[in-house]
Amino acid sequence: MPCRVGAQISLEAKGPEAFQTPRGCCVPFGVMELALAALPYEQQDRYKQLLAASESAGLAELNGISQELQALVGSLSLPEGLLKSLAGTFQPGSLLICRSSANVEDLAGMSGA
């Protein structure tokens, strides 16, 4: 039996107390899409234009496109229920680490980040 398989079996036998992990949560990818859908049509259209432009933009253009996209995404309002859930998950003053991942992030026009 290879060592790593033996080590895995040994850890599994110890049960859940074998791993110490910090509190965490997942935010579904669709949350951003819902927030974008709540924007006025003109802003939704501008987001789509910027996203399309970023696919073929040169380096000189990309900085401006990225800044505008960042401002637009930064202006989104998240659902109240999500914010309450996140606030209830962590203690005030908690240090948080965010990781973004999606199974479509390598497709053209899609990004999980």
C-alpha atoms as a PDB file:
ATOM      1  CA  MET A   1       0.000   0.000   0.000  1.00  0.00           C
ATOM      2  CA  PRO A   2       1.517   3.394  -0.974  1.00  0.00           C
ATOM      3  CA  CYS A   3       2.336   5.679   1.963  1.00  0.00           C
ATOM      4  CA  ARG A   4      -0.106   8.426   1.006  1.00  0.00           C
ATOM      5  CA  VAL A   5      -3.036   5.972   0.868  1.00  0.00           C
ATOM      6  CA  GLY A   6      -2.055   4.623   4.281  1.00  0.00           C
ATOM      7  CA  ALA A   7      -1.820   8.159   5.664  1.00  0.00           C
ATOM      8  CA  GLN A   8      -5.251   9.021   4.240  1.00  0.00           C
ATOM      9  CA  ILE A   9      -6.823   5.928   5.797  1.00  0.00           C
ATOM     10  CA  SER A  10      -5.169   6.812   9.104  1.00  0.00           C
ATOM     11  CA  LEU A  11      -6.589  10.365   9.018  1.00  0.00           C
ATOM     12  CA  GLU A  12     -10.057   9.142   8.042  1.00  0.00           C
ATOM     13  CA  ALA A  13     -10.055   6.747  10.998  1.00  0.00           C
ATOM     14  CA  LYS A  14      -9.560   9.711  13.365  1.00  0.00           C
ATOM     15  CA  GLY A  15     -12.825  11.288  12.206  1.00  0.00           C
ATOM     16  CA  PRO A  16     -13.666  14.960  11.745  1.00  0.00           C
ATOM     17  CA  GLU A  17     -11.393  16.104  14.599  1.00  0.00           C
ATOM     18  CA  ALA A  18      -8.376  15.214  12.441  1.00  0.00           C
ATOM     19  CA  PHE A  19      -8.761  18.475  10.528  1.00  0.00           C
ATOM     20  CA  GLN A  20      -8.878  21.948  12.042  1.00  0.00           C
ATOM     21  CA  THR A  21     -10.327  24.431   9.570  1.00  0.00           C
ATOM     22  CA  PRO A  22     -11.485  28.007  10.013  1.00  0.00           C
ATOM     23  CA  ARG A  23     -15.109  28.987   9.500  1.00  0.00           C
ATOM     24  CA  GLY A  24     -15.975  29.536   5.882  1.00  0.00           C
ATOM     25  CA  CYS A  25     -18.775  29.984   3.412  1.00  0.00           C
ATOM     26  CA  CYS A  26     -19.460  29.866  -0.310  1.00  0.00           C
ATOM     27  CA  VAL A  27     -21.175  32.517  -2.382  1.00  0.00           C
ATOM     28  CA  PRO A  28     -22.790  31.082  -5.528  1.00  0.00           C
ATOM     29  CA  PHE A  29     -21.552  32.385  -8.869  1.00  0.00           C
ATOM     30  CA  GLY A  30     -25.095  33.454  -9.792  1.00  0.00           C
ATOM     31  CA  VAL A  31     -25.139  36.164  -7.106  1.00  0.00           C
ATOM     32  CA  MET A  32     -23.177  38.520  -9.351  1.00  0.00           C
ATOM     33  CA  GLU A  33     -25.441  37.769 -12.299  1.00  0.00           C
ATOM     34  CA  LEU A  34     -28.503  38.606 -10.167  1.00  0.00           C
ATOM     35  CA  ALA A  35     -26.901  41.850  -9.019  1.00  0.00           C
ATOM     36  CA  LEU A  36     -26.062  42.776 -12.622  1.00  0.00           C
ATOM     37  CA  ALA A  37     -29.625  41.989 -13.697  1.00  0.00           C
ATOM     38  CA  ALA A  38     -30.899  44.494 -11.117  1.00  0.00           C
ATOM     39  CA  LEU A  39     -28.968  47.333 -12.796  1.00  0.00           C
ATOM     40  CA  PRO A  40     -30.681  49.696 -15.224  1.00  0.00           C
ATOM     41  CA  TYR A  41     -30.543  48.424 -18.817  1.00  0.00           C
ATOM     42  CA  GLU A  42     -27.939  51.018 -19.844  1.00  0.00           C
ATOM     43  CA  GLN A  43     -25.495  49.810 -17.198  1.00  0.00           C
ATOM     44  CA  GLN A  44     -26.127  46.151 -18.069  1.00  0.00           C
ATOM     45  CA  ASP A  45     -25.436  46.968 -21.710  1.00  0.00           C
ATOM     46  CA  ARG A  46     -22.268  48.877 -20.815  1.00  0.00           C
ATOM     47  CA  TYR A  47     -21.040  45.892 -18.763  1.00  0.00           C
ATOM     48  CA  LYS A  48     -21.549  43.590 -21.755  1.00  0.00           C
ATOM     49  CA  GLN A  49     -19.758  46.055 -24.061  1.00  0.00           C
ATOM     50  CA  LEU A  50     -16.784  46.305 -21.702  1.00  0.00           C
ATOM     51  CA  LEU A  51     -16.589  42.546 -21.286  1.00  0.00           C
ATOM     52  CA  ALA A  52     -16.607  42.047 -25.064  1.00  0.00           C
ATOM     53  CA  ALA A  53     -14.022  44.798 -25.558  1.00  0.00           C
ATOM     54  CA  SER A  54     -11.719  43.219 -22.977  1.00  0.00           C
ATOM     55  CA  GLU A  55     -11.494  40.016 -25.045  1.00  0.00           C
ATOM     56  CA  SER A  56      -9.698  41.758 -27.913  1.00  0.00           C
ATOM     57  CA  ALA A  57      -8.256  44.886 -26.284  1.00  0.00           C
ATOM     58  CA  GLY A  58      -4.618  45.739 -26.525  1.00  0.00           C
ATOM     59  CA  LEU A  59      -2.576  46.330 -23.399  1.00  0.00           C
ATOM     60  CA  ALA A  60      -2.992  50.118 -23.657  1.00  0.00           C
ATOM     61  CA  GLU A  61      -6.794  49.842 -23.730  1.00  0.00           C
ATOM     62  CA  LEU A  62      -7.116  47.087 -21.167  1.00  0.00           C
ATOM     63  CA  ASN A  63      -6.258  49.262 -18.180  1.00  0.00           C
ATOM     64  CA  GLY A  64      -9.113  51.696 -18.851  1.00  0.00           C
ATOM     65  CA  ILE A  65     -11.567  48.886 -19.574  1.00  0.00           C
ATOM     66  CA  SER A  66     -10.561  47.114 -16.368  1.00  0.00           C
ATOM     67  CA  GLN A  67     -10.959  50.265 -14.286  1.00  0.00           C
ATOM     68  CA  GLU A  68     -14.435  50.894 -15.670  1.00  0.00           C
ATOM     69  CA  LEU A  69     -15.448  47.261 -15.114  1.00  0.00           C
ATOM     70  CA  GLN A  70     -14.117  47.406 -11.553  1.00  0.00           C
ATOM     71  CA  ALA A  71     -16.110  50.574 -10.831  1.00  0.00           C
ATOM     72  CA  LEU A  72     -19.278  49.057 -12.284  1.00  0.00           C
ATOM     73  CA  VAL A  73     -18.929  45.792 -10.356  1.00  0.00           C
ATOM     74  CA  GLY A  74     -18.013  47.723  -7.204  1.00  0.00           C
ATOM     75  CA  SER A  75     -21.290  49.614  -7.427  1.00  0.00           C
ATOM     76  CA  LEU A  76     -23.427  46.457  -7.344  1.00  0.00           C
ATOM     77  CA  SER A  77     -25.786  45.860  -4.427  1.00  0.00           C
ATOM     78  CA  LEU A  78     -25.813  42.385  -2.944  1.00  0.00           C
ATOM     79  CA  PRO A  79     -28.996  40.729  -1.658  1.00  0.00           C
ATOM     80  CA  GLU A  80     -29.748  41.598   1.977  1.00  0.00           C
ATOM     81  CA  GLY A  81     -30.134  37.915   2.904  1.00  0.00           C
ATOM     82  CA  LEU A  82     -26.630  37.156   1.653  1.00  0.00           C
ATOM     83  CA  LEU A  83     -25.127  40.039   3.605  1.00  0.00           C
ATOM     84  CA  LYS A  84     -26.898  38.946   6.811  1.00  0.00           C
ATOM     85  CA  SER A  85     -25.736  35.375   6.321  1.00  0.00           C
ATOM     86  CA  LEU A  86     -22.131  36.470   5.833  1.00  0.00           C
ATOM     87  CA  ALA A  87     -22.295  38.780   8.849  1.00  0.00           C
ATOM     88  CA  GLY A  88     -23.624  35.902  10.969  1.00  0.00           C
ATOM     89  CA  THR A  89     -20.843  33.566   9.864  1.00  0.00           C
ATOM     90  CA  PHE A  90     -17.887  35.613  11.094  1.00  0.00           C
ATOM     91  CA  GLN A  91     -17.063  37.499  14.279  1.00  0.00           C
ATOM     92  CA  PRO A  92     -16.578  41.289  14.013  1.00  0.00           C
ATOM     93  CA  GLY A  93     -12.984  42.070  13.118  1.00  0.00           C
ATOM     94  CA  SER A  94     -12.330  38.636  11.610  1.00  0.00           C
ATOM     95  CA  LEU A  95      -9.501  38.373   9.113  1.00  0.00           C
ATOM     96  CA  LEU A  96     -10.959  36.979   5.874  1.00  0.00           C
ATOM     97  CA  ILE A  97      -9.365  35.386   2.855  1.00  0.00           C
ATOM     98  CA  CYS A  98     -11.371  35.230  -0.359  1.00  0.00           C
ATOM     99  CA  ARG A  99     -10.858  32.750  -3.153  1.00  0.00           C
ATOM    100  CA  SER A 100     -12.644  32.781  -6.445  1.00  0.00           C
ATOM    101  CA  SER A 101     -13.150  29.718  -8.560  1.00  0.00           C
ATOM    102  CA  ALA A 102     -15.650  28.551 -11.126  1.00  0.00           C
ATOM    103  CA  ASN A 103     -15.856  25.633 -13.524  1.00  0.00           C
ATOM    104  CA  VAL A 104     -16.374  28.043 -16.445  1.00  0.00           C
ATOM    105  CA  GLU A 105     -13.584  30.500 -15.741  1.00  0.00           C
ATOM    106  CA  ASP A 106     -11.461  29.430 -18.695  1.00  0.00           C
ATOM    107  CA  LEU A 107     -14.233  29.861 -21.259  1.00  0.00           C
ATOM    108  CA  ALA A 108     -14.381  32.932 -23.474  1.00  0.00           C
ATOM    109  CA  GLY A 109     -16.576  35.634 -21.968  1.00  0.00           C
ATOM    110  CA  MET A 110     -16.716  33.963 -18.556  1.00  0.00           C
ATOM    111  CA  SER A 111     -14.807  34.633 -15.381  1.00  0.00           C
ATOM    112  CA  GLY A 112     -15.288  33.326 -11.871  1.00  0.00           C
ATOM    113  CA  ALA A 113     -12.953  35.964 -10.482  1.00  0.00           C
END
